[in-house]
Every structure is written in C-alpha cells, then in structure tokens.
Amino acid sequence: MSYNVWFGDVKMEERMEAIGHLVKQYSPDIIFFRRSLQISMNFLRVQGGGVLNEPSVLLTDAKTRIYFCMLLSKLRVKNFMSKPFVKSSMGRELCAAEIDVGSNKTLVIATSHLESLSPNSEKWVSQAEEALRFLEQFSNVIFGGDMNWD
C-alpha cells in the first residue's frame, strides 16, 4: 500500500480514518507513506490494530520535522535506512528497510517523495538517480513513491 498522507489541514481526521480502514480491510504486508506527520503516525499505528511493526521513523525524530516518509511492515525488519538527498531544498530523503522474507532471503523496500515545485526537472532527476545508485547495491528491491513526474 502506498499513500501521500497529508497536504494541508484539509479533513485530516477523516483522511486518517479512511486510510486506517483501508489498512484494516486490505491488511497489507508493507506500507509506504509520504507526507506523514506525527499525528498521522500515531493514528495509523492505532488504526492498524497493532498488526504492523514499529515504523521506520522514531517518535522523537517525527517531532522535529514538518513531514516525513515512513515505512511499516508486518514482516520482520532487519534494518531501517534513511538517506537524505544531496540536492534538496525541501528536506527530501530516501527511506528504506531490509525485510526478512524467510529462507535466508532479504527484500529491500524503499520510498521517497522527490522534490516538487521545481521550475525544471533537475532536482527530482538527480534525486531519482541518487536513489537508484543507493538501491543498486541490493539484489531484491521494491521502490515506490511520489516521483512528481508528469
């Protein structure tokens, strides 16, 4: 499952409740969230009914940021990784996690919200390239997010 959670304070409570119902209904193994807020993080953990493991963002880190990317997984997370993009005026990053899928196999899941509101594509192209360079070190990868591409 993949969502941009927040954009302004438009019907935030209703949005979080709807996403929480979808999490319960579809019971995804992995969720990619972008534009998450501390309030949305807390709400989703409660709405998820405890089925999802700890989020990739610590509550203490969430308090210091306007919004952030977040990964949730039912599968055992071996390691969370965060790589801030070199060229970002909006504090954008690549969030990734190594997931134990059994049989001594690892899957890396990753999400990002590439730079937006740029008059040209230079920033999001360099961020996409940076993300792919980082992820190419792993054998099995799922990368999803908001690329801001037309």
N, C-alpha and C. Protein backbone atom coordinates (compact mmCIF):
# COMPACT_ATOMS: atom_id res chain seq x y z
N MET A 1 0.85 -1.16 0.00
CA MET A 1 0.00 0.00 0.00
C MET A 1 0.90 1.23 0.00
N SER A 2 0.48 2.26 -0.70
CA SER A 2 1.30 3.47 -0.80
C SER A 2 0.40 4.70 -0.84
N TYR A 3 0.70 5.70 0.03
CA TYR A 3 -0.11 6.92 0.10
C TYR A 3 0.75 8.13 0.43
N ASN A 4 0.35 9.28 -0.13
CA ASN A 4 0.76 10.57 0.39
C ASN A 4 -0.32 10.90 1.42
N VAL A 5 0.06 11.02 2.68
CA VAL A 5 -0.91 11.14 3.75
C VAL A 5 -1.47 12.55 3.89
N TRP A 6 -0.63 13.56 3.81
CA TRP A 6 -1.05 14.90 4.20
C TRP A 6 -0.75 15.91 3.11
N PHE A 7 -1.65 16.86 2.97
CA PHE A 7 -1.37 18.07 2.21
C PHE A 7 -2.28 19.15 2.76
N GLY A 8 -1.74 19.96 3.64
CA GLY A 8 -2.54 20.96 4.31
C GLY A 8 -3.40 20.30 5.39
N ASP A 9 -4.20 21.08 6.03
CA ASP A 9 -5.03 20.55 7.12
C ASP A 9 -6.45 20.25 6.65
N VAL A 10 -6.59 19.86 5.40
CA VAL A 10 -7.90 19.60 4.83
C VAL A 10 -8.40 18.23 5.27
N LYS A 11 -9.43 18.23 6.11
CA LYS A 11 -10.10 17.00 6.54
C LYS A 11 -9.11 15.91 7.00
N MET A 12 -8.14 16.31 7.81
CA MET A 12 -7.10 15.38 8.25
C MET A 12 -7.67 14.19 9.01
N GLU A 13 -8.58 14.45 9.95
CA GLU A 13 -9.12 13.36 10.74
C GLU A 13 -9.88 12.35 9.87
N GLU A 14 -10.68 12.87 8.94
CA GLU A 14 -11.42 11.97 8.03
C GLU A 14 -10.47 11.17 7.15
N ARG A 15 -9.42 11.83 6.67
CA ARG A 15 -8.44 11.16 5.81
C ARG A 15 -7.74 10.04 6.58
N MET A 16 -7.33 10.32 7.80
CA MET A 16 -6.62 9.30 8.58
C MET A 16 -7.54 8.13 8.91
N GLU A 17 -8.79 8.43 9.20
CA GLU A 17 -9.74 7.36 9.49
C GLU A 17 -9.96 6.48 8.25
N ALA A 18 -10.08 7.10 7.08
CA ALA A 18 -10.27 6.34 5.83
C ALA A 18 -9.05 5.46 5.54
N ILE A 19 -7.86 6.02 5.70
CA ILE A 19 -6.64 5.23 5.46
C ILE A 19 -6.55 4.10 6.48
N GLY A 20 -6.89 4.39 7.74
CA GLY A 20 -6.89 3.36 8.77
C GLY A 20 -7.83 2.21 8.43
N HIS A 21 -9.02 2.53 7.90
CA HIS A 21 -9.97 1.48 7.49
C HIS A 21 -9.40 0.65 6.34
N LEU A 22 -8.73 1.31 5.39
CA LEU A 22 -8.13 0.58 4.27
C LEU A 22 -7.02 -0.35 4.75
N VAL A 23 -6.23 0.11 5.73
CA VAL A 23 -5.17 -0.74 6.29
C VAL A 23 -5.80 -1.99 6.91
N LYS A 24 -6.87 -1.80 7.68
CA LYS A 24 -7.55 -2.95 8.30
C LYS A 24 -8.18 -3.86 7.25
N GLN A 25 -8.83 -3.26 6.25
CA GLN A 25 -9.55 -4.04 5.24
C GLN A 25 -8.61 -4.88 4.37
N TYR A 26 -7.53 -4.27 3.89
CA TYR A 26 -6.65 -4.96 2.95
C TYR A 26 -5.47 -5.64 3.61
N SER A 27 -5.18 -5.28 4.85
CA SER A 27 -4.12 -5.90 5.63
C SER A 27 -2.81 -6.05 4.84
N PRO A 28 -2.27 -4.93 4.33
CA PRO A 28 -1.05 -5.01 3.52
C PRO A 28 0.15 -5.47 4.35
N ASP A 29 1.07 -6.15 3.70
CA ASP A 29 2.30 -6.58 4.37
C ASP A 29 3.26 -5.41 4.55
N ILE A 30 3.22 -4.50 3.58
CA ILE A 30 4.14 -3.36 3.58
C ILE A 30 3.35 -2.10 3.21
N ILE A 31 3.65 -1.00 3.90
CA ILE A 31 3.02 0.28 3.57
C ILE A 31 4.11 1.34 3.39
N PHE A 32 3.99 2.10 2.31
CA PHE A 32 4.84 3.27 2.06
C PHE A 32 3.97 4.50 2.31
N PHE A 33 4.40 5.36 3.21
CA PHE A 33 3.70 6.62 3.43
C PHE A 33 4.66 7.77 3.19
N ARG A 34 4.14 8.80 2.54
CA ARG A 34 4.88 10.03 2.38
C ARG A 34 4.02 11.16 2.92
N ARG A 35 4.64 12.26 3.23
CA ARG A 35 3.96 13.40 3.85
C ARG A 35 3.26 12.98 5.12
N SER A 36 3.92 12.13 5.88
CA SER A 36 3.39 11.70 7.19
C SER A 36 3.70 12.78 8.21
N LEU A 37 2.82 12.89 9.20
CA LEU A 37 3.00 13.80 10.31
C LEU A 37 3.02 12.96 11.58
N GLN A 38 3.48 13.53 12.67
CA GLN A 38 3.48 12.79 13.93
C GLN A 38 2.07 12.33 14.28
N ILE A 39 1.09 13.20 14.09
CA ILE A 39 -0.30 12.84 14.42
C ILE A 39 -0.78 11.68 13.54
N SER A 40 -0.42 11.71 12.26
CA SER A 40 -0.86 10.63 11.37
C SER A 40 -0.15 9.32 11.73
N MET A 41 1.10 9.41 12.15
CA MET A 41 1.85 8.24 12.54
C MET A 41 1.18 7.56 13.74
N ASN A 42 0.84 8.33 14.75
CA ASN A 42 0.17 7.77 15.93
C ASN A 42 -1.19 7.18 15.57
N PHE A 43 -1.96 7.89 14.77
CA PHE A 43 -3.29 7.43 14.40
C PHE A 43 -3.22 6.12 13.62
N LEU A 44 -2.30 6.04 12.66
CA LEU A 44 -2.19 4.83 11.85
C LEU A 44 -1.74 3.63 12.65
N ARG A 45 -0.89 3.84 13.62
CA ARG A 45 -0.46 2.72 14.46
C ARG A 45 -1.64 2.18 15.26
N VAL A 46 -2.49 3.05 15.75
CA VAL A 46 -3.68 2.62 16.49
C VAL A 46 -4.68 1.96 15.53
N GLN A 47 -4.95 2.61 14.40
CA GLN A 47 -5.90 2.09 13.43
C GLN A 47 -5.44 0.76 12.83
N GLY A 48 -4.11 0.58 12.72
CA GLY A 48 -3.58 -0.66 12.16
C GLY A 48 -3.81 -1.85 13.06
N GLY A 49 -4.34 -1.63 14.25
CA GLY A 49 -4.68 -2.72 15.15
C GLY A 49 -3.47 -3.48 15.65
N GLY A 50 -2.30 -2.85 15.63
CA GLY A 50 -1.11 -3.50 16.15
C GLY A 50 -0.53 -4.56 15.23
N VAL A 51 -1.08 -4.68 14.00
CA VAL A 51 -0.57 -5.70 13.09
C VAL A 51 0.77 -5.33 12.49
N LEU A 52 1.05 -4.04 12.43
CA LEU A 52 2.28 -3.59 11.80
C LEU A 52 3.36 -3.36 12.84
N ASN A 53 4.59 -3.68 12.45
CA ASN A 53 5.73 -3.49 13.34
C ASN A 53 6.00 -2.01 13.53
N GLU A 54 7.00 -1.71 14.33
CA GLU A 54 7.39 -0.33 14.59
C GLU A 54 7.66 0.40 13.27
N PRO A 55 7.28 1.68 13.20
CA PRO A 55 7.52 2.45 11.98
C PRO A 55 9.01 2.78 11.83
N SER A 56 9.36 3.17 10.61
CA SER A 56 10.75 3.49 10.31
C SER A 56 11.19 4.81 10.92
N VAL A 57 10.24 5.62 11.38
CA VAL A 57 10.56 6.93 11.96
C VAL A 57 10.31 6.87 13.46
N LEU A 58 11.28 7.29 14.23
CA LEU A 58 11.10 7.33 15.67
C LEU A 58 10.23 8.53 16.04
N LEU A 59 9.44 8.38 17.08
CA LEU A 59 8.59 9.50 17.51
C LEU A 59 9.40 10.74 17.81
N THR A 60 10.59 10.56 18.39
CA THR A 60 11.43 11.73 18.71
C THR A 60 11.86 12.44 17.43
N ASP A 61 12.17 11.70 16.37
CA ASP A 61 12.53 12.31 15.10
C ASP A 61 11.33 12.98 14.45
N ALA A 62 10.17 12.36 14.57
CA ALA A 62 8.95 12.90 13.96
C ALA A 62 8.60 14.27 14.53
N LYS A 63 8.89 14.47 15.80
CA LYS A 63 8.55 15.75 16.44
C LYS A 63 9.36 16.91 15.89
N THR A 64 10.51 16.63 15.29
CA THR A 64 11.39 17.69 14.81
C THR A 64 11.17 18.02 13.34
N ARG A 65 10.26 17.33 12.67
CA ARG A 65 10.09 17.51 11.23
C ARG A 65 8.66 17.89 10.89
N ILE A 66 8.49 18.66 9.83
CA ILE A 66 7.16 19.03 9.38
C ILE A 66 6.44 17.79 8.87
N TYR A 67 7.05 17.09 7.94
CA TYR A 67 6.52 15.83 7.45
C TYR A 67 7.67 14.95 7.00
N PHE A 68 7.39 13.68 6.77
CA PHE A 68 8.46 12.72 6.50
C PHE A 68 7.91 11.50 5.79
N CYS A 69 8.81 10.68 5.27
CA CYS A 69 8.44 9.38 4.72
C CYS A 69 8.43 8.37 5.85
N MET A 70 7.59 7.35 5.71
CA MET A 70 7.51 6.32 6.74
C MET A 70 7.21 4.98 6.09
N LEU A 71 7.86 3.94 6.58
CA LEU A 71 7.62 2.57 6.14
C LEU A 71 7.05 1.78 7.30
N LEU A 72 6.08 0.92 7.01
CA LEU A 72 5.55 -0.01 8.01
C LEU A 72 5.55 -1.40 7.38
N SER A 73 5.81 -2.41 8.18
CA SER A 73 5.89 -3.77 7.65
C SER A 73 5.37 -4.78 8.66
N LYS A 74 4.66 -5.78 8.16
CA LYS A 74 4.27 -6.91 9.01
C LYS A 74 5.45 -7.88 9.15
N LEU A 75 6.28 -7.90 8.13
CA LEU A 75 7.43 -8.80 8.12
C LEU A 75 8.54 -8.23 8.99
N ARG A 76 9.43 -9.09 9.47
CA ARG A 76 10.49 -8.65 10.36
C ARG A 76 11.46 -7.72 9.64
N VAL A 77 11.64 -6.55 10.23
CA VAL A 77 12.57 -5.57 9.67
C VAL A 77 13.94 -5.80 10.29
N LYS A 78 14.93 -6.02 9.42
CA LYS A 78 16.30 -6.21 9.90
C LYS A 78 16.99 -4.88 10.14
N ASN A 79 16.65 -3.89 9.31
CA ASN A 79 17.38 -2.63 9.37
C ASN A 79 16.60 -1.54 8.63
N PHE A 80 16.45 -0.38 9.26
CA PHE A 80 15.89 0.79 8.59
C PHE A 80 17.03 1.68 8.14
N MET A 81 16.86 2.31 6.97
CA MET A 81 17.89 3.21 6.44
C MET A 81 17.22 4.50 5.97
N SER A 82 17.91 5.60 6.16
CA SER A 82 17.43 6.88 5.66
C SER A 82 18.60 7.60 5.02
N LYS A 83 18.41 8.05 3.78
CA LYS A 83 19.47 8.73 3.06
C LYS A 83 18.95 10.07 2.56
N PRO A 84 19.33 11.17 3.25
CA PRO A 84 18.92 12.50 2.77
C PRO A 84 19.52 12.77 1.39
N PHE A 85 18.74 13.40 0.52
CA PHE A 85 19.24 13.71 -0.82
C PHE A 85 20.18 14.91 -0.76
N VAL A 86 21.25 14.83 -1.54
CA VAL A 86 22.25 15.90 -1.58
C VAL A 86 21.62 17.20 -2.08
N LYS A 87 20.87 17.11 -3.18
CA LYS A 87 20.23 18.30 -3.75
C LYS A 87 18.76 18.32 -3.36
N SER A 88 18.47 18.89 -2.18
CA SER A 88 17.09 19.03 -1.76
C SER A 88 16.93 20.28 -0.93
N SER A 89 16.07 21.17 -1.39
CA SER A 89 15.76 22.36 -0.61
C SER A 89 14.52 22.12 0.26
N MET A 90 13.93 20.91 0.14
CA MET A 90 12.71 20.59 0.87
C MET A 90 12.92 19.47 1.90
N GLY A 91 14.17 19.12 2.17
CA GLY A 91 14.46 18.09 3.17
C GLY A 91 14.04 16.70 2.74
N ARG A 92 14.07 16.42 1.45
CA ARG A 92 13.62 15.13 0.94
C ARG A 92 14.69 14.06 1.15
N GLU A 93 14.24 12.80 1.21
CA GLU A 93 15.13 11.69 1.51
C GLU A 93 14.62 10.39 0.89
N LEU A 94 15.46 9.40 0.92
CA LEU A 94 15.09 8.04 0.55
C LEU A 94 14.99 7.26 1.86
N CYS A 95 13.83 6.63 2.08
CA CYS A 95 13.63 5.79 3.27
C CYS A 95 13.61 4.34 2.79
N ALA A 96 14.35 3.49 3.46
CA ALA A 96 14.43 2.09 3.04
C ALA A 96 14.49 1.18 4.25
N ALA A 97 14.16 -0.07 4.03
CA ALA A 97 14.23 -1.07 5.09
C ALA A 97 14.60 -2.41 4.48
N GLU A 98 15.44 -3.15 5.20
CA GLU A 98 15.74 -4.53 4.82
C GLU A 98 14.75 -5.42 5.55
N ILE A 99 14.01 -6.21 4.79
CA ILE A 99 12.96 -7.06 5.32
C ILE A 99 13.38 -8.52 5.21
N ASP A 100 13.19 -9.26 6.28
CA ASP A 100 13.47 -10.70 6.28
C ASP A 100 12.23 -11.40 5.72
N VAL A 101 12.35 -11.99 4.52
CA VAL A 101 11.21 -12.67 3.92
C VAL A 101 11.29 -14.18 4.09
N GLY A 102 12.24 -14.65 4.90
CA GLY A 102 12.38 -16.08 5.17
C GLY A 102 13.34 -16.76 4.20
N SER A 103 13.69 -18.00 4.50
CA SER A 103 14.62 -18.78 3.67
C SER A 103 15.91 -18.05 3.40
N ASN A 104 16.41 -17.30 4.39
CA ASN A 104 17.64 -16.53 4.26
C ASN A 104 17.61 -15.54 3.10
N LYS A 105 16.44 -14.99 2.81
CA LYS A 105 16.29 -14.02 1.74
C LYS A 105 15.90 -12.67 2.34
N THR A 106 16.43 -11.62 1.72
CA THR A 106 16.15 -10.26 2.16
C THR A 106 15.55 -9.47 1.00
N LEU A 107 14.55 -8.68 1.32
CA LEU A 107 13.95 -7.76 0.36
C LEU A 107 14.15 -6.35 0.91
N VAL A 108 14.59 -5.44 0.06
CA VAL A 108 14.71 -4.05 0.45
C VAL A 108 13.50 -3.31 -0.12
N ILE A 109 12.79 -2.61 0.77
CA ILE A 109 11.68 -1.76 0.34
C ILE A 109 12.12 -0.32 0.54
N ALA A 110 11.69 0.55 -0.36
CA ALA A 110 12.13 1.95 -0.27
C ALA A 110 11.03 2.86 -0.80
N THR A 111 10.96 4.04 -0.21
CA THR A 111 10.02 5.05 -0.68
C THR A 111 10.66 6.42 -0.59
N SER A 112 10.13 7.33 -1.39
CA SER A 112 10.60 8.70 -1.37
C SER A 112 9.53 9.60 -1.95
N HIS A 113 9.65 10.87 -1.63
CA HIS A 113 8.82 11.91 -2.23
C HIS A 113 9.81 12.89 -2.84
N LEU A 114 10.04 12.74 -4.14
CA LEU A 114 11.04 13.57 -4.79
C LEU A 114 10.60 15.03 -4.81
N GLU A 115 11.58 15.91 -4.94
CA GLU A 115 11.37 17.36 -4.92
C GLU A 115 10.21 17.78 -5.82
N SER A 116 9.43 18.71 -5.32
CA SER A 116 8.33 19.24 -6.12
C SER A 116 8.47 20.75 -6.22
N LEU A 117 7.60 21.34 -6.98
CA LEU A 117 7.58 22.79 -7.17
C LEU A 117 8.88 23.33 -7.75
N SER A 118 9.55 22.51 -8.52
CA SER A 118 10.80 22.94 -9.15
C SER A 118 10.48 23.39 -10.57
N PRO A 119 11.04 24.53 -11.02
CA PRO A 119 10.73 25.02 -12.36
C PRO A 119 11.28 24.09 -13.45
N ASN A 120 12.24 23.26 -13.10
CA ASN A 120 12.73 22.28 -14.06
C ASN A 120 12.89 20.94 -13.37
N SER A 121 13.25 19.97 -14.11
CA SER A 121 13.31 18.61 -13.57
C SER A 121 14.65 18.26 -12.93
N GLU A 122 15.59 19.19 -12.88
CA GLU A 122 16.94 18.87 -12.41
C GLU A 122 16.96 18.21 -11.03
N LYS A 123 16.23 18.76 -10.07
CA LYS A 123 16.30 18.22 -8.71
C LYS A 123 15.72 16.83 -8.61
N TRP A 124 14.50 16.61 -9.16
CA TRP A 124 13.94 15.28 -8.99
C TRP A 124 14.65 14.25 -9.84
N VAL A 125 15.24 14.64 -10.95
CA VAL A 125 16.03 13.69 -11.74
C VAL A 125 17.28 13.30 -10.96
N SER A 126 17.98 14.27 -10.35
CA SER A 126 19.18 13.93 -9.58
C SER A 126 18.81 13.11 -8.35
N GLN A 127 17.66 13.38 -7.73
CA GLN A 127 17.23 12.59 -6.57
C GLN A 127 16.88 11.16 -6.98
N ALA A 128 16.21 10.99 -8.11
CA ALA A 128 15.89 9.65 -8.61
C ALA A 128 17.17 8.88 -8.90
N GLU A 129 18.13 9.54 -9.54
CA GLU A 129 19.41 8.89 -9.84
C GLU A 129 20.15 8.52 -8.56
N GLU A 130 20.13 9.41 -7.58
CA GLU A 130 20.78 9.16 -6.30
C GLU A 130 20.13 7.95 -5.60
N ALA A 131 18.80 7.89 -5.63
CA ALA A 131 18.08 6.76 -5.01
C ALA A 131 18.45 5.45 -5.70
N LEU A 132 18.47 5.46 -7.03
CA LEU A 132 18.78 4.23 -7.77
C LEU A 132 20.23 3.79 -7.53
N ARG A 133 21.16 4.75 -7.46
CA ARG A 133 22.56 4.38 -7.16
C ARG A 133 22.65 3.71 -5.80
N PHE A 134 21.93 4.24 -4.81
CA PHE A 134 21.95 3.66 -3.47
C PHE A 134 21.32 2.27 -3.47
N LEU A 135 20.22 2.10 -4.17
CA LEU A 135 19.48 0.83 -4.15
C LEU A 135 20.11 -0.27 -4.98
N GLU A 136 20.98 0.10 -5.94
CA GLU A 136 21.57 -0.93 -6.81
C GLU A 136 22.51 -1.89 -6.07
N GLN A 137 22.88 -1.57 -4.84
CA GLN A 137 23.74 -2.47 -4.06
C GLN A 137 22.97 -3.68 -3.54
N PHE A 138 21.64 -3.66 -3.64
CA PHE A 138 20.81 -4.74 -3.11
C PHE A 138 20.25 -5.59 -4.25
N SER A 139 20.05 -6.88 -3.98
CA SER A 139 19.57 -7.81 -5.01
C SER A 139 18.09 -7.69 -5.30
N ASN A 140 17.28 -7.57 -4.25
CA ASN A 140 15.83 -7.56 -4.39
C ASN A 140 15.28 -6.28 -3.79
N VAL A 141 14.70 -5.42 -4.65
CA VAL A 141 14.25 -4.10 -4.21
C VAL A 141 12.87 -3.78 -4.77
N ILE A 142 12.04 -3.18 -3.92
CA ILE A 142 10.80 -2.56 -4.37
C ILE A 142 10.91 -1.09 -3.99
N PHE A 143 10.81 -0.22 -5.01
CA PHE A 143 10.93 1.23 -4.79
C PHE A 143 9.64 1.88 -5.29
N GLY A 144 8.95 2.56 -4.40
CA GLY A 144 7.72 3.22 -4.79
C GLY A 144 7.62 4.56 -4.08
N GLY A 145 6.86 5.46 -4.67
CA GLY A 145 6.71 6.74 -4.00
C GLY A 145 6.07 7.77 -4.89
N ASP A 146 6.23 9.02 -4.52
CA ASP A 146 5.73 10.15 -5.27
C ASP A 146 6.91 10.76 -6.00
N MET A 147 6.98 10.51 -7.29
CA MET A 147 8.13 10.96 -8.08
C MET A 147 7.95 12.36 -8.64
N ASN A 148 6.75 12.92 -8.55
CA ASN A 148 6.46 14.25 -9.09
C ASN A 148 6.78 14.37 -10.58
N TRP A 149 6.55 13.29 -11.29
CA TRP A 149 6.78 13.28 -12.74
C TRP A 149 5.48 13.48 -13.46
N ASP A 150 5.51 14.25 -14.54
CA ASP A 150 4.33 14.40 -15.40
C ASP A 150 4.27 13.20 -16.33
